[in-house]
Amino acid sequence: MDVRKILWPTDFSAISESALPHVKSLTEKYGAEIHVLYVIEDIAHHNGWYGAFEEKRVKELMAHASKTATNRLGQICEKYLDGCPLYIKHVAVGDAAKEILNLIDKEKMDMVVMASHGEKGNFRFGSVAEKVLKHSSAPVTIIPVAPNQ
């Protein structure tokens, strides 16, 4: 198997970080580039809660979320991934599963490595992991993590 591109989706939780030892091992074994993806939920498509936000405020919130996500990806790379020499950082806006699947196809990923659920997961297998596993065009390795870790 030729593995040149590996996708590691993260929600910045300790749960998603549990996949990092596997990601690092695969990088060392194959010399593959790692694509790190964080997906920001698109708040512009939600109905107003506690009052509606005007379009300008939504744009400000989304810009702040994007800047924060980019900074966090940099911190993860520095702290856990030796500065990410072969790492490419992505920030997307939308539905997490859809954006992960889009990036798999767009970048022609050879493999996906992700935790079995995200930060909000109350079960052993989350909905995003399930959707990615069922619909990915690339092999997916799911790292099992106990709920509420």
C-alpha atoms as a PDB file:
ATOM      1  CA  MET A   1       0.000   0.000   0.000  1.00  0.00           C
ATOM      2  CA  ASP A   2       1.380   3.392  -0.998  1.00  0.00           C
ATOM      3  CA  VAL A   3       0.433   6.020   1.591  1.00  0.00           C
ATOM      4  CA  ARG A   4       1.427   9.564   0.651  1.00  0.00           C
ATOM      5  CA  LYS A   5      -1.400  11.613   2.205  1.00  0.00           C
ATOM      6  CA  ILE A   6      -3.089  10.992   5.539  1.00  0.00           C
ATOM      7  CA  LEU A   7      -5.978  13.047   6.914  1.00  0.00           C
ATOM      8  CA  TRP A   8      -6.349  13.601  10.654  1.00  0.00           C
ATOM      9  CA  PRO A   9      -9.573  15.472  11.481  1.00  0.00           C
ATOM     10  CA  THR A  10      -9.578  17.120  14.906  1.00  0.00           C
ATOM     11  CA  ASP A  11     -12.076  18.958  17.079  1.00  0.00           C
ATOM     12  CA  PHE A  12      -9.222  20.107  19.367  1.00  0.00           C
ATOM     13  CA  SER A  13     -10.330  17.747  22.126  1.00  0.00           C
ATOM     14  CA  ALA A  14      -8.180  15.302  24.096  1.00  0.00           C
ATOM     15  CA  ILE A  15     -10.313  12.603  22.494  1.00  0.00           C
ATOM     16  CA  SER A  16      -9.276  13.503  18.956  1.00  0.00           C
ATOM     17  CA  GLU A  17      -5.665  13.841  20.138  1.00  0.00           C
ATOM     18  CA  SER A  18      -5.757  10.142  21.056  1.00  0.00           C
ATOM     19  CA  ALA A  19      -5.256   9.445  17.340  1.00  0.00           C
ATOM     20  CA  LEU A  20      -1.948  11.352  17.272  1.00  0.00           C
ATOM     21  CA  PRO A  21       0.377   8.452  18.159  1.00  0.00           C
ATOM     22  CA  HIS A  22      -1.067   6.527  15.196  1.00  0.00           C
ATOM     23  CA  VAL A  23      -0.751   9.539  12.908  1.00  0.00           C
ATOM     24  CA  LYS A  24       2.890  10.078  13.930  1.00  0.00           C
ATOM     25  CA  SER A  25       3.705   6.378  13.491  1.00  0.00           C
ATOM     26  CA  LEU A  26       2.239   6.318   9.986  1.00  0.00           C
ATOM     27  CA  THR A  27       4.125   9.486   9.081  1.00  0.00           C
ATOM     28  CA  GLU A  28       7.394   7.913  10.165  1.00  0.00           C
ATOM     29  CA  LYS A  29       6.655   4.611   8.435  1.00  0.00           C
ATOM     30  CA  TYR A  30       5.532   6.003   5.076  1.00  0.00           C
ATOM     31  CA  GLY A  31       7.040   9.485   5.025  1.00  0.00           C
ATOM     32  CA  ALA A  32       3.517  10.668   4.256  1.00  0.00           C
ATOM     33  CA  GLU A  33       2.275  14.203   4.518  1.00  0.00           C
ATOM     34  CA  ILE A  34      -0.393  14.680   7.147  1.00  0.00           C
ATOM     35  CA  HIS A  35      -3.370  16.917   6.492  1.00  0.00           C
ATOM     36  CA  VAL A  36      -4.835  18.244   9.736  1.00  0.00           C
ATOM     37  CA  LEU A  37      -8.435  19.454   9.441  1.00  0.00           C
ATOM     38  CA  TYR A  38     -10.615  21.438  11.824  1.00  0.00           C
ATOM     39  CA  VAL A  39     -14.204  22.190  10.811  1.00  0.00           C
ATOM     40  CA  ILE A  40     -15.988  25.257  12.165  1.00  0.00           C
ATOM     41  CA  GLU A  41     -19.739  24.914  12.495  1.00  0.00           C
ATOM     42  CA  ASP A  42     -21.445  27.423  10.209  1.00  0.00           C
ATOM     43  CA  ILE A  43     -23.537  29.511  12.586  1.00  0.00           C
ATOM     44  CA  ALA A  44     -24.956  31.575   9.740  1.00  0.00           C
ATOM     45  CA  HIS A  45     -27.366  28.756   8.878  1.00  0.00           C
ATOM     46  CA  HIS A  46     -28.888  28.498  12.342  1.00  0.00           C
ATOM     47  CA  ASN A  47     -32.107  30.147  13.306  1.00  0.00           C
ATOM     48  CA  GLY A  48     -31.608  32.953  15.782  1.00  0.00           C
ATOM     49  CA  TRP A  49     -31.204  31.921  19.374  1.00  0.00           C
ATOM     50  CA  TYR A  50     -31.514  34.442  22.150  1.00  0.00           C
ATOM     51  CA  GLY A  51     -32.220  36.949  19.405  1.00  0.00           C
ATOM     52  CA  ALA A  52     -30.950  37.047  15.859  1.00  0.00           C
ATOM     53  CA  PHE A  53     -27.466  38.189  14.881  1.00  0.00           C
ATOM     54  CA  GLU A  54     -27.066  40.621  12.046  1.00  0.00           C
ATOM     55  CA  GLU A  55     -24.961  39.513   9.090  1.00  0.00           C
ATOM     56  CA  LYS A  56     -22.008  41.696  10.104  1.00  0.00           C
ATOM     57  CA  ARG A  57     -21.870  40.075  13.550  1.00  0.00           C
ATOM     58  CA  VAL A  58     -22.042  36.560  12.078  1.00  0.00           C
ATOM     59  CA  LYS A  59     -19.125  37.398   9.771  1.00  0.00           C
ATOM     60  CA  GLU A  60     -17.136  38.745  12.728  1.00  0.00           C
ATOM     61  CA  LEU A  61     -17.824  35.595  14.759  1.00  0.00           C
ATOM     62  CA  MET A  62     -16.844  33.332  11.862  1.00  0.00           C
ATOM     63  CA  ALA A  63     -13.649  35.313  11.192  1.00  0.00           C
ATOM     64  CA  HIS A  64     -12.706  35.045  14.876  1.00  0.00           C
ATOM     65  CA  ALA A  65     -13.439  31.289  14.860  1.00  0.00           C
ATOM     66  CA  SER A  66     -11.269  30.838  11.758  1.00  0.00           C
ATOM     67  CA  LYS A  67      -8.358  32.798  13.247  1.00  0.00           C
ATOM     68  CA  THR A  68      -8.615  30.876  16.519  1.00  0.00           C
ATOM     69  CA  ALA A  69      -8.732  27.533  14.674  1.00  0.00           C
ATOM     70  CA  THR A  70      -5.673  28.402  12.601  1.00  0.00           C
ATOM     71  CA  ASN A  71      -3.769  29.353  15.764  1.00  0.00           C
ATOM     72  CA  ARG A  72      -4.822  26.131  17.523  1.00  0.00           C
ATOM     73  CA  LEU A  73      -3.688  24.020  14.556  1.00  0.00           C
ATOM     74  CA  GLY A  74      -0.291  25.714  14.768  1.00  0.00           C
ATOM     75  CA  GLN A  75      -0.097  24.992  18.506  1.00  0.00           C
ATOM     76  CA  ILE A  76      -0.948  21.325  17.965  1.00  0.00           C
ATOM     77  CA  CYS A  77       1.718  21.031  15.286  1.00  0.00           C
ATOM     78  CA  GLU A  78       4.345  22.627  17.523  1.00  0.00           C
ATOM     79  CA  LYS A  79       3.410  20.679  20.662  1.00  0.00           C
ATOM     80  CA  TYR A  80       2.712  17.204  19.269  1.00  0.00           C
ATOM     81  CA  LEU A  81       3.944  16.977  15.703  1.00  0.00           C
ATOM     82  CA  ASP A  82       7.468  18.433  15.775  1.00  0.00           C
ATOM     83  CA  GLY A  83       6.445  21.617  13.996  1.00  0.00           C
ATOM     84  CA  CYS A  84       4.576  19.778  11.248  1.00  0.00           C
ATOM     85  CA  PRO A  85       7.327  19.542   8.645  1.00  0.00           C
ATOM     86  CA  LEU A  86       5.113  17.400   6.411  1.00  0.00           C
ATOM     87  CA  TYR A  87       1.821  18.689   7.774  1.00  0.00           C
ATOM     88  CA  ILE A  88      -0.722  20.748   5.916  1.00  0.00           C
ATOM     89  CA  LYS A  89      -3.304  22.577   7.997  1.00  0.00           C
ATOM     90  CA  HIS A  90      -6.884  23.068   6.820  1.00  0.00           C
ATOM     91  CA  VAL A  91      -9.788  24.996   8.311  1.00  0.00           C
ATOM     92  CA  ALA A  92     -13.243  24.538   6.791  1.00  0.00           C
ATOM     93  CA  VAL A  93     -16.716  25.829   7.613  1.00  0.00           C
ATOM     94  CA  GLY A  94     -19.787  23.610   7.530  1.00  0.00           C
ATOM     95  CA  ASP A  95     -20.901  20.132   8.521  1.00  0.00           C
ATOM     96  CA  ALA A  96     -17.937  18.198   9.924  1.00  0.00           C
ATOM     97  CA  ALA A  97     -18.588  14.897   8.135  1.00  0.00           C
ATOM     98  CA  LYS A  98     -19.282  16.588   4.784  1.00  0.00           C
ATOM     99  CA  GLU A  99     -16.164  18.739   5.015  1.00  0.00           C
ATOM    100  CA  ILE A 100     -13.991  15.752   5.945  1.00  0.00           C
ATOM    101  CA  LEU A 101     -15.375  13.781   2.986  1.00  0.00           C
ATOM    102  CA  ASN A 102     -14.900  16.777   0.675  1.00  0.00           C
ATOM    103  CA  LEU A 103     -11.251  17.121   1.678  1.00  0.00           C
ATOM    104  CA  ILE A 104     -10.649  13.383   1.228  1.00  0.00           C
ATOM    105  CA  ASP A 105     -11.782  13.660  -2.375  1.00  0.00           C
ATOM    106  CA  LYS A 106     -10.301  17.087  -3.119  1.00  0.00           C
ATOM    107  CA  GLU A 107      -6.814  16.213  -1.848  1.00  0.00           C
ATOM    108  CA  LYS A 108      -6.996  12.535  -2.915  1.00  0.00           C
ATOM    109  CA  MET A 109      -6.190  11.237   0.566  1.00  0.00           C
ATOM    110  CA  ASP A 110      -4.751   7.760   0.836  1.00  0.00           C
ATOM    111  CA  MET A 111      -5.952   7.239   4.401  1.00  0.00           C
ATOM    112  CA  VAL A 112      -7.925   8.833   7.242  1.00  0.00           C
ATOM    113  CA  VAL A 113      -7.049   8.390  10.921  1.00  0.00           C
ATOM    114  CA  MET A 114      -9.553   9.679  13.459  1.00  0.00           C
ATOM    115  CA  ALA A 115     -10.922   9.057  16.933  1.00  0.00           C
ATOM    116  CA  SER A 116     -14.118   7.051  17.314  1.00  0.00           C
ATOM    117  CA  HIS A 117     -16.027  10.114  18.491  1.00  0.00           C
ATOM    118  CA  GLY A 118     -15.567  13.770  19.244  1.00  0.00           C
ATOM    119  CA  GLU A 119     -15.647  15.894  22.331  1.00  0.00           C
ATOM    120  CA  LYS A 120     -19.425  15.795  22.644  1.00  0.00           C
ATOM    121  CA  GLY A 121     -19.577  12.021  22.204  1.00  0.00           C
ATOM    122  CA  ASN A 122     -21.566  10.095  24.772  1.00  0.00           C
ATOM    123  CA  PHE A 123     -21.249   6.785  22.940  1.00  0.00           C
ATOM    124  CA  ARG A 124     -18.350   4.646  21.744  1.00  0.00           C
ATOM    125  CA  PHE A 125     -18.931   5.657  18.122  1.00  0.00           C
ATOM    126  CA  GLY A 126     -19.898   9.145  17.013  1.00  0.00           C
ATOM    127  CA  SER A 127     -22.020  10.254  14.104  1.00  0.00           C
ATOM    128  CA  VAL A 128     -19.185  12.053  12.290  1.00  0.00           C
ATOM    129  CA  ALA A 129     -16.902   9.007  12.510  1.00  0.00           C
ATOM    130  CA  GLU A 130     -19.748   6.784  11.311  1.00  0.00           C
ATOM    131  CA  LYS A 131     -20.537   8.983   8.304  1.00  0.00           C
ATOM    132  CA  VAL A 132     -16.869   9.244   7.324  1.00  0.00           C
ATOM    133  CA  LEU A 133     -16.364   5.490   7.677  1.00  0.00           C
ATOM    134  CA  LYS A 134     -19.452   4.691   5.589  1.00  0.00           C
ATOM    135  CA  HIS A 135     -18.882   7.236   2.817  1.00  0.00           C
ATOM    136  CA  SER A 136     -15.126   7.734   2.498  1.00  0.00           C
ATOM    137  CA  SER A 137     -13.396   6.962  -0.769  1.00  0.00           C
ATOM    138  CA  ALA A 138     -10.191   6.295   1.221  1.00  0.00           C
ATOM    139  CA  PRO A 139      -9.531   3.695   3.932  1.00  0.00           C
ATOM    140  CA  VAL A 140     -10.438   4.962   7.411  1.00  0.00           C
ATOM    141  CA  THR A 141      -8.732   3.907  10.628  1.00  0.00           C
ATOM    142  CA  ILE A 142     -10.886   4.579  13.684  1.00  0.00           C
ATOM    143  CA  ILE A 143      -9.044   4.834  16.995  1.00  0.00           C
ATOM    144  CA  PRO A 144     -11.373   3.577  19.750  1.00  0.00           C
ATOM    145  CA  VAL A 145     -11.769   5.914  22.707  1.00  0.00           C
ATOM    146  CA  ALA A 146     -14.039   5.401  25.709  1.00  0.00           C
ATOM    147  CA  PRO A 147     -16.932   7.887  25.948  1.00  0.00           C
ATOM    148  CA  ASN A 148     -16.496  10.926  28.217  1.00  0.00           C
ATOM    149  CA  GLN A 149     -12.748  10.414  28.512  1.00  0.00           C
END
